[in-house]
N, C-alpha and C. Protein backbone atom coordinates (compact mmCIF):
# COMPACT_ATOMS: atom_id res chain seq x y z
N MET A 1 2.14 20.88 120.88
CA MET A 1 3.23 20.52 121.77
C MET A 1 4.30 19.83 120.94
N GLY A 2 5.55 20.22 121.14
CA GLY A 2 6.66 19.64 120.40
C GLY A 2 7.00 18.25 120.90
N LYS A 3 7.77 17.53 120.08
CA LYS A 3 8.15 16.16 120.45
C LYS A 3 8.99 16.12 121.72
N SER A 4 9.90 17.11 121.88
CA SER A 4 10.75 17.09 123.08
C SER A 4 9.92 17.33 124.34
N ASN A 5 8.95 18.24 124.25
CA ASN A 5 8.07 18.47 125.41
C ASN A 5 7.23 17.24 125.70
N LEU A 6 6.76 16.58 124.66
CA LEU A 6 5.96 15.37 124.84
C LEU A 6 6.79 14.27 125.49
N LEU A 7 8.05 14.14 125.09
CA LEU A 7 8.92 13.13 125.70
C LEU A 7 9.21 13.45 127.16
N LYS A 8 9.44 14.74 127.46
CA LYS A 8 9.68 15.14 128.85
C LYS A 8 8.45 14.85 129.71
N LEU A 9 7.29 15.20 129.19
CA LEU A 9 6.05 14.96 129.93
C LEU A 9 5.80 13.47 130.10
N THR A 10 6.08 12.70 129.06
CA THR A 10 5.93 11.24 129.14
C THR A 10 6.83 10.67 130.23
N SER A 11 8.08 11.11 130.26
CA SER A 11 9.00 10.58 131.28
C SER A 11 8.59 11.01 132.68
N ALA A 12 8.09 12.23 132.84
CA ALA A 12 7.66 12.70 134.16
C ALA A 12 6.44 11.92 134.65
N VAL A 13 5.46 11.73 133.78
CA VAL A 13 4.25 11.00 134.17
C VAL A 13 4.58 9.54 134.45
N THR A 14 5.40 8.94 133.61
CA THR A 14 5.78 7.54 133.81
C THR A 14 6.55 7.37 135.12
N ALA A 15 7.49 8.26 135.39
CA ALA A 15 8.26 8.18 136.63
C ALA A 15 7.35 8.31 137.84
N ALA A 16 6.41 9.24 137.79
CA ALA A 16 5.48 9.41 138.91
C ALA A 16 4.62 8.16 139.09
N TYR A 17 4.16 7.59 138.00
CA TYR A 17 3.32 6.39 138.08
C TYR A 17 4.10 5.21 138.66
N VAL A 18 5.32 5.01 138.16
CA VAL A 18 6.12 3.87 138.59
C VAL A 18 6.53 3.99 140.06
N THR A 19 6.77 5.20 140.53
CA THR A 19 7.15 5.36 141.94
C THR A 19 5.98 5.15 142.89
N ARG A 20 4.76 5.33 142.41
CA ARG A 20 3.59 5.21 143.28
C ARG A 20 2.81 3.90 143.10
N ASN A 21 3.21 3.10 142.12
CA ASN A 21 2.50 1.85 141.84
C ASN A 21 3.51 0.73 141.67
N ARG A 22 3.07 -0.47 142.01
CA ARG A 22 3.93 -1.64 141.83
C ARG A 22 3.88 -2.05 140.36
N VAL A 23 5.01 -1.92 139.69
CA VAL A 23 5.11 -2.27 138.28
C VAL A 23 6.31 -3.19 138.11
N HIS A 24 6.06 -4.35 137.52
CA HIS A 24 7.15 -5.30 137.26
C HIS A 24 8.06 -4.70 136.19
N HIS A 25 9.35 -4.96 136.30
CA HIS A 25 10.30 -4.36 135.35
C HIS A 25 10.00 -4.73 133.90
N SER A 26 9.38 -5.86 133.67
CA SER A 26 9.04 -6.24 132.29
C SER A 26 7.86 -5.46 131.74
N GLU A 27 7.11 -4.76 132.60
CA GLU A 27 5.93 -4.00 132.17
C GLU A 27 6.21 -2.51 131.98
N ILE A 28 7.42 -2.06 132.32
CA ILE A 28 7.72 -0.63 132.25
C ILE A 28 7.63 -0.11 130.82
N ALA A 29 8.10 -0.87 129.86
CA ALA A 29 8.04 -0.42 128.46
C ALA A 29 6.59 -0.21 128.03
N GLU A 30 5.71 -1.11 128.45
CA GLU A 30 4.29 -0.98 128.10
C GLU A 30 3.68 0.26 128.75
N VAL A 31 4.07 0.55 129.99
CA VAL A 31 3.58 1.74 130.68
C VAL A 31 4.03 2.99 129.92
N ILE A 32 5.28 3.02 129.50
CA ILE A 32 5.79 4.17 128.76
C ILE A 32 5.01 4.37 127.46
N VAL A 33 4.77 3.29 126.74
CA VAL A 33 4.03 3.39 125.47
C VAL A 33 2.61 3.89 125.71
N ARG A 34 1.95 3.36 126.73
CA ARG A 34 0.57 3.79 127.01
C ARG A 34 0.50 5.25 127.42
N VAL A 35 1.43 5.68 128.27
CA VAL A 35 1.45 7.08 128.70
C VAL A 35 1.72 7.97 127.49
N HIS A 36 2.70 7.63 126.68
CA HIS A 36 3.04 8.43 125.51
C HIS A 36 1.87 8.51 124.53
N THR A 37 1.23 7.38 124.29
CA THR A 37 0.08 7.35 123.37
C THR A 37 -1.06 8.21 123.91
N GLY A 38 -1.33 8.10 125.19
CA GLY A 38 -2.40 8.89 125.79
C GLY A 38 -2.11 10.38 125.74
N LEU A 39 -0.89 10.76 126.08
CA LEU A 39 -0.53 12.18 126.03
C LEU A 39 -0.54 12.71 124.61
N ARG A 40 -0.06 11.91 123.67
CA ARG A 40 -0.07 12.34 122.27
C ARG A 40 -1.50 12.56 121.78
N ALA A 41 -2.40 11.69 122.21
CA ALA A 41 -3.80 11.80 121.77
C ALA A 41 -4.45 13.08 122.26
N VAL A 42 -4.09 13.53 123.46
CA VAL A 42 -4.74 14.73 123.99
C VAL A 42 -3.99 16.01 123.67
N THR A 43 -2.74 15.92 123.24
CA THR A 43 -1.98 17.14 122.98
C THR A 43 -1.80 17.46 121.50
N MET A 44 -1.84 16.47 120.65
CA MET A 44 -1.65 16.72 119.22
C MET A 44 -2.96 17.14 118.58
N PRO A 45 -2.88 17.99 117.55
CA PRO A 45 -4.12 18.39 116.87
C PRO A 45 -4.80 17.19 116.24
N ARG A 46 -6.13 17.22 116.27
CA ARG A 46 -6.90 16.11 115.70
C ARG A 46 -6.89 16.18 114.19
N LYS A 47 -6.84 15.02 113.59
CA LYS A 47 -6.89 14.94 112.14
C LYS A 47 -8.32 15.18 111.68
N ARG A 48 -8.44 15.77 110.53
CA ARG A 48 -9.77 15.99 109.96
C ARG A 48 -10.32 14.69 109.44
N ARG A 49 -11.62 14.57 109.50
CA ARG A 49 -12.28 13.37 108.98
C ARG A 49 -12.07 13.27 107.48
N SER A 50 -11.84 12.07 107.02
CA SER A 50 -11.76 11.87 105.58
C SER A 50 -13.17 11.67 105.04
N ARG A 51 -13.36 12.08 103.83
CA ARG A 51 -14.68 11.94 103.21
C ARG A 51 -15.07 10.47 103.08
N ALA A 52 -14.11 9.58 102.87
CA ALA A 52 -14.40 8.17 102.66
C ALA A 52 -14.99 7.52 103.91
N ALA A 53 -14.64 8.01 105.09
CA ALA A 53 -15.09 7.39 106.33
C ALA A 53 -16.50 7.82 106.73
N ARG A 54 -17.00 8.89 106.16
CA ARG A 54 -18.32 9.39 106.56
C ARG A 54 -19.42 8.44 106.14
N ARG A 55 -20.40 8.33 106.99
CA ARG A 55 -21.56 7.48 106.72
C ARG A 55 -22.73 8.36 106.28
N SER A 56 -23.57 7.79 105.43
CA SER A 56 -24.74 8.53 104.98
C SER A 56 -25.78 8.54 106.10
N GLU A 57 -26.73 9.45 105.97
CA GLU A 57 -27.80 9.52 106.97
C GLU A 57 -28.59 8.22 107.03
N ALA A 58 -28.75 7.57 105.89
CA ALA A 58 -29.48 6.30 105.86
C ALA A 58 -28.71 5.21 106.61
N GLN A 59 -27.39 5.17 106.43
CA GLN A 59 -26.58 4.19 107.16
C GLN A 59 -26.61 4.45 108.66
N ILE A 60 -26.55 5.71 109.03
CA ILE A 60 -26.59 6.07 110.45
C ILE A 60 -27.93 5.67 111.06
N ALA A 61 -29.02 6.00 110.35
CA ALA A 61 -30.35 5.66 110.86
C ALA A 61 -30.54 4.14 110.95
N ALA A 62 -30.02 3.41 109.98
CA ALA A 62 -30.16 1.95 109.99
C ALA A 62 -29.33 1.30 111.09
N SER A 63 -28.27 1.96 111.53
CA SER A 63 -27.41 1.37 112.56
C SER A 63 -28.01 1.46 113.95
N VAL A 64 -28.92 2.41 114.16
CA VAL A 64 -29.57 2.55 115.46
C VAL A 64 -30.94 1.91 115.38
N GLN A 65 -31.07 0.76 116.02
CA GLN A 65 -32.33 0.04 116.04
C GLN A 65 -32.86 0.01 117.46
N ARG A 66 -34.09 -0.39 117.62
CA ARG A 66 -34.75 -0.35 118.93
C ARG A 66 -33.97 -1.10 120.00
N ASN A 67 -33.57 -2.33 119.71
CA ASN A 67 -32.93 -3.17 120.72
C ASN A 67 -31.42 -3.30 120.56
N ARG A 68 -30.85 -2.62 119.57
CA ARG A 68 -29.41 -2.77 119.34
C ARG A 68 -28.87 -1.63 118.50
N ILE A 69 -27.55 -1.51 118.56
CA ILE A 69 -26.83 -0.57 117.71
C ILE A 69 -25.80 -1.39 116.94
N VAL A 70 -25.78 -1.23 115.64
CA VAL A 70 -24.85 -1.98 114.80
C VAL A 70 -23.54 -1.20 114.71
N SER A 71 -22.45 -1.87 115.04
CA SER A 71 -21.13 -1.25 115.02
C SER A 71 -20.64 -1.05 113.59
N PHE A 72 -20.05 0.11 113.33
CA PHE A 72 -19.43 0.36 112.03
C PHE A 72 -18.04 -0.28 111.96
N ILE A 73 -17.53 -0.75 113.09
CA ILE A 73 -16.22 -1.39 113.11
C ILE A 73 -16.30 -2.81 112.55
N ASP A 74 -17.24 -3.60 113.09
CA ASP A 74 -17.32 -5.01 112.67
C ASP A 74 -18.69 -5.42 112.13
N GLY A 75 -19.65 -4.50 112.12
CA GLY A 75 -20.97 -4.80 111.58
C GLY A 75 -21.85 -5.66 112.47
N LYS A 76 -21.42 -5.89 113.71
CA LYS A 76 -22.19 -6.72 114.64
C LYS A 76 -23.08 -5.85 115.52
N PRO A 77 -24.22 -6.40 115.96
CA PRO A 77 -25.12 -5.63 116.82
C PRO A 77 -24.72 -5.72 118.30
N TYR A 78 -24.93 -4.61 119.02
CA TYR A 78 -24.63 -4.55 120.44
C TYR A 78 -25.72 -3.76 121.16
N LYS A 79 -25.96 -4.08 122.42
CA LYS A 79 -26.87 -3.27 123.24
C LYS A 79 -26.18 -1.97 123.62
N SER A 80 -24.89 -2.06 123.88
CA SER A 80 -24.08 -0.90 124.23
C SER A 80 -22.75 -1.00 123.50
N LEU A 81 -22.31 0.11 122.93
CA LEU A 81 -21.04 0.11 122.21
C LEU A 81 -19.85 0.43 123.11
N LYS A 82 -20.10 0.82 124.35
CA LYS A 82 -19.03 1.30 125.21
C LYS A 82 -17.93 0.26 125.43
N TRP A 83 -18.29 -0.96 125.78
CA TRP A 83 -17.29 -2.01 126.00
C TRP A 83 -16.64 -2.42 124.68
N HIS A 84 -17.42 -2.46 123.63
CA HIS A 84 -16.91 -2.82 122.30
C HIS A 84 -15.84 -1.83 121.86
N LEU A 85 -16.11 -0.54 122.04
CA LEU A 85 -15.14 0.47 121.65
C LEU A 85 -13.89 0.39 122.51
N ALA A 86 -14.08 0.16 123.80
CA ALA A 86 -12.93 0.04 124.70
C ALA A 86 -12.04 -1.14 124.30
N ALA A 87 -12.66 -2.21 123.85
CA ALA A 87 -11.89 -3.38 123.41
C ALA A 87 -11.05 -3.05 122.18
N HIS A 88 -11.50 -2.09 121.39
CA HIS A 88 -10.76 -1.67 120.20
C HIS A 88 -9.86 -0.47 120.48
N GLY A 89 -9.86 -0.02 121.73
CA GLY A 89 -8.97 1.06 122.13
C GLY A 89 -9.35 2.44 121.65
N ILE A 90 -10.66 2.67 121.44
CA ILE A 90 -11.09 4.00 121.02
C ILE A 90 -12.20 4.50 121.93
N THR A 91 -12.34 5.79 122.00
CA THR A 91 -13.38 6.41 122.81
C THR A 91 -14.62 6.65 121.95
N PRO A 92 -15.77 6.91 122.58
CA PRO A 92 -16.96 7.22 121.79
C PRO A 92 -16.75 8.43 120.87
N GLU A 93 -16.01 9.44 121.34
CA GLU A 93 -15.74 10.61 120.51
C GLU A 93 -14.91 10.25 119.28
N GLU A 94 -13.91 9.40 119.48
CA GLU A 94 -13.08 8.96 118.35
C GLU A 94 -13.90 8.13 117.37
N TYR A 95 -14.80 7.30 117.87
CA TYR A 95 -15.67 6.48 117.03
C TYR A 95 -16.56 7.38 116.17
N ARG A 96 -17.19 8.37 116.82
CA ARG A 96 -18.05 9.30 116.08
C ARG A 96 -17.24 10.05 115.02
N ASP A 97 -16.05 10.46 115.40
CA ASP A 97 -15.19 11.21 114.48
C ASP A 97 -14.73 10.34 113.31
N ARG A 98 -14.33 9.11 113.60
CA ARG A 98 -13.81 8.20 112.57
C ARG A 98 -14.85 7.89 111.50
N PHE A 99 -16.11 7.76 111.91
CA PHE A 99 -17.14 7.36 110.96
C PHE A 99 -18.07 8.51 110.56
N GLY A 100 -17.72 9.73 110.95
CA GLY A 100 -18.50 10.89 110.54
C GLY A 100 -19.89 10.93 111.14
N LEU A 101 -20.02 10.49 112.38
CA LEU A 101 -21.31 10.45 113.05
C LEU A 101 -21.55 11.74 113.81
N PRO A 102 -22.81 12.12 113.99
CA PRO A 102 -23.10 13.35 114.75
C PRO A 102 -22.74 13.17 116.23
N GLU A 103 -22.54 14.28 116.92
CA GLU A 103 -22.19 14.24 118.35
C GLU A 103 -23.30 13.60 119.18
N THR A 104 -24.51 13.61 118.67
CA THR A 104 -25.65 13.06 119.40
C THR A 104 -25.86 11.57 119.14
N TYR A 105 -24.98 10.95 118.35
CA TYR A 105 -25.13 9.53 118.04
C TYR A 105 -25.04 8.73 119.33
N PRO A 106 -26.04 7.86 119.59
CA PRO A 106 -26.07 7.12 120.87
C PRO A 106 -25.04 6.00 120.93
N MET A 107 -24.61 5.69 122.14
CA MET A 107 -23.70 4.58 122.38
C MET A 107 -24.43 3.39 122.99
N VAL A 108 -25.72 3.57 123.27
CA VAL A 108 -26.55 2.53 123.89
C VAL A 108 -27.85 2.43 123.11
N ALA A 109 -28.33 1.20 122.90
CA ALA A 109 -29.61 1.00 122.19
C ALA A 109 -30.73 1.70 122.96
N PRO A 110 -31.67 2.33 122.26
CA PRO A 110 -32.73 3.07 122.93
C PRO A 110 -33.52 2.26 123.97
N SER A 111 -33.91 1.04 123.65
CA SER A 111 -34.70 0.25 124.61
C SER A 111 -33.86 -0.16 125.81
N TYR A 112 -32.59 -0.42 125.60
CA TYR A 112 -31.70 -0.81 126.70
C TYR A 112 -31.49 0.37 127.65
N ASP A 113 -31.34 1.56 127.09
CA ASP A 113 -31.17 2.76 127.89
C ASP A 113 -32.39 2.99 128.78
N LYS A 114 -33.58 2.83 128.21
CA LYS A 114 -34.81 3.00 129.00
C LYS A 114 -34.94 1.92 130.06
N ALA A 115 -34.57 0.70 129.73
CA ALA A 115 -34.66 -0.40 130.71
C ALA A 115 -33.76 -0.12 131.91
N VAL A 116 -32.57 0.41 131.66
CA VAL A 116 -31.66 0.73 132.76
C VAL A 116 -32.23 1.83 133.63
N VAL A 117 -32.83 2.84 133.02
CA VAL A 117 -33.42 3.94 133.77
C VAL A 117 -34.53 3.44 134.67
N TYR A 118 -35.42 2.62 134.14
CA TYR A 118 -36.54 2.13 134.94
C TYR A 118 -36.09 1.11 135.98
N GLU A 119 -35.04 0.37 135.70
CA GLU A 119 -34.50 -0.57 136.70
C GLU A 119 -33.95 0.21 137.89
N ARG A 120 -33.28 1.32 137.62
CA ARG A 120 -32.78 2.16 138.71
C ARG A 120 -33.94 2.72 139.52
N ALA A 121 -35.00 3.10 138.84
CA ALA A 121 -36.17 3.65 139.54
C ALA A 121 -36.79 2.60 140.44
N ASP A 122 -36.82 1.35 139.99
CA ASP A 122 -37.37 0.27 140.81
C ASP A 122 -36.55 0.06 142.07
N ARG A 123 -35.26 0.35 142.00
CA ARG A 123 -34.39 0.20 143.17
C ARG A 123 -34.38 1.43 144.05
N GLY A 124 -35.23 2.40 143.72
CA GLY A 124 -35.31 3.60 144.55
C GLY A 124 -34.54 4.78 144.02
N GLY A 125 -33.94 4.64 142.85
CA GLY A 125 -33.19 5.75 142.26
C GLY A 125 -34.13 6.69 141.53
N ALA A 126 -33.64 7.84 141.20
CA ALA A 126 -34.46 8.83 140.50
C ALA A 126 -34.45 8.54 139.00
N ILE A 127 -35.58 8.80 138.36
CA ILE A 127 -35.65 8.69 136.90
C ILE A 127 -35.15 10.01 136.35
N ARG A 128 -34.18 9.92 135.47
CA ARG A 128 -33.65 11.15 134.90
C ARG A 128 -34.56 11.61 133.77
N ARG A 129 -34.76 12.86 133.72
CA ARG A 129 -35.59 13.46 132.68
C ARG A 129 -34.72 14.26 131.74
N LYS A 130 -34.96 14.12 130.47
CA LYS A 130 -34.22 14.93 129.51
C LYS A 130 -34.88 16.29 129.43
N PRO A 131 -34.05 17.35 129.39
CA PRO A 131 -34.63 18.70 129.35
C PRO A 131 -35.34 18.99 128.05
């Protein structure tokens, strides 16, 4: 998508959002930037991973532990990376791509994932089975 089309789409989406939502005039610039950034992310071709960012299989295996997953962003352990990644403004797919991780790389520690499944079952929910 060309820059002019991206700008037209940004203005159309922003105008639609502002007319349907209460937005203070001081926040309009931020809305425009967020809409433009989001549209650019989904319309522009993705950059190829650099070799320097790729992690070795040993590093990947060491980052996934029973009770935690160690972030490649800050090196700290987390039960779930979802909120951590959101705080840094990236999606799980972007995280996997940035650090050369496989598509199957988990975003939740294995024991935490199982605990959530069984907690749901205790409340009457179904236990999901992997095929």
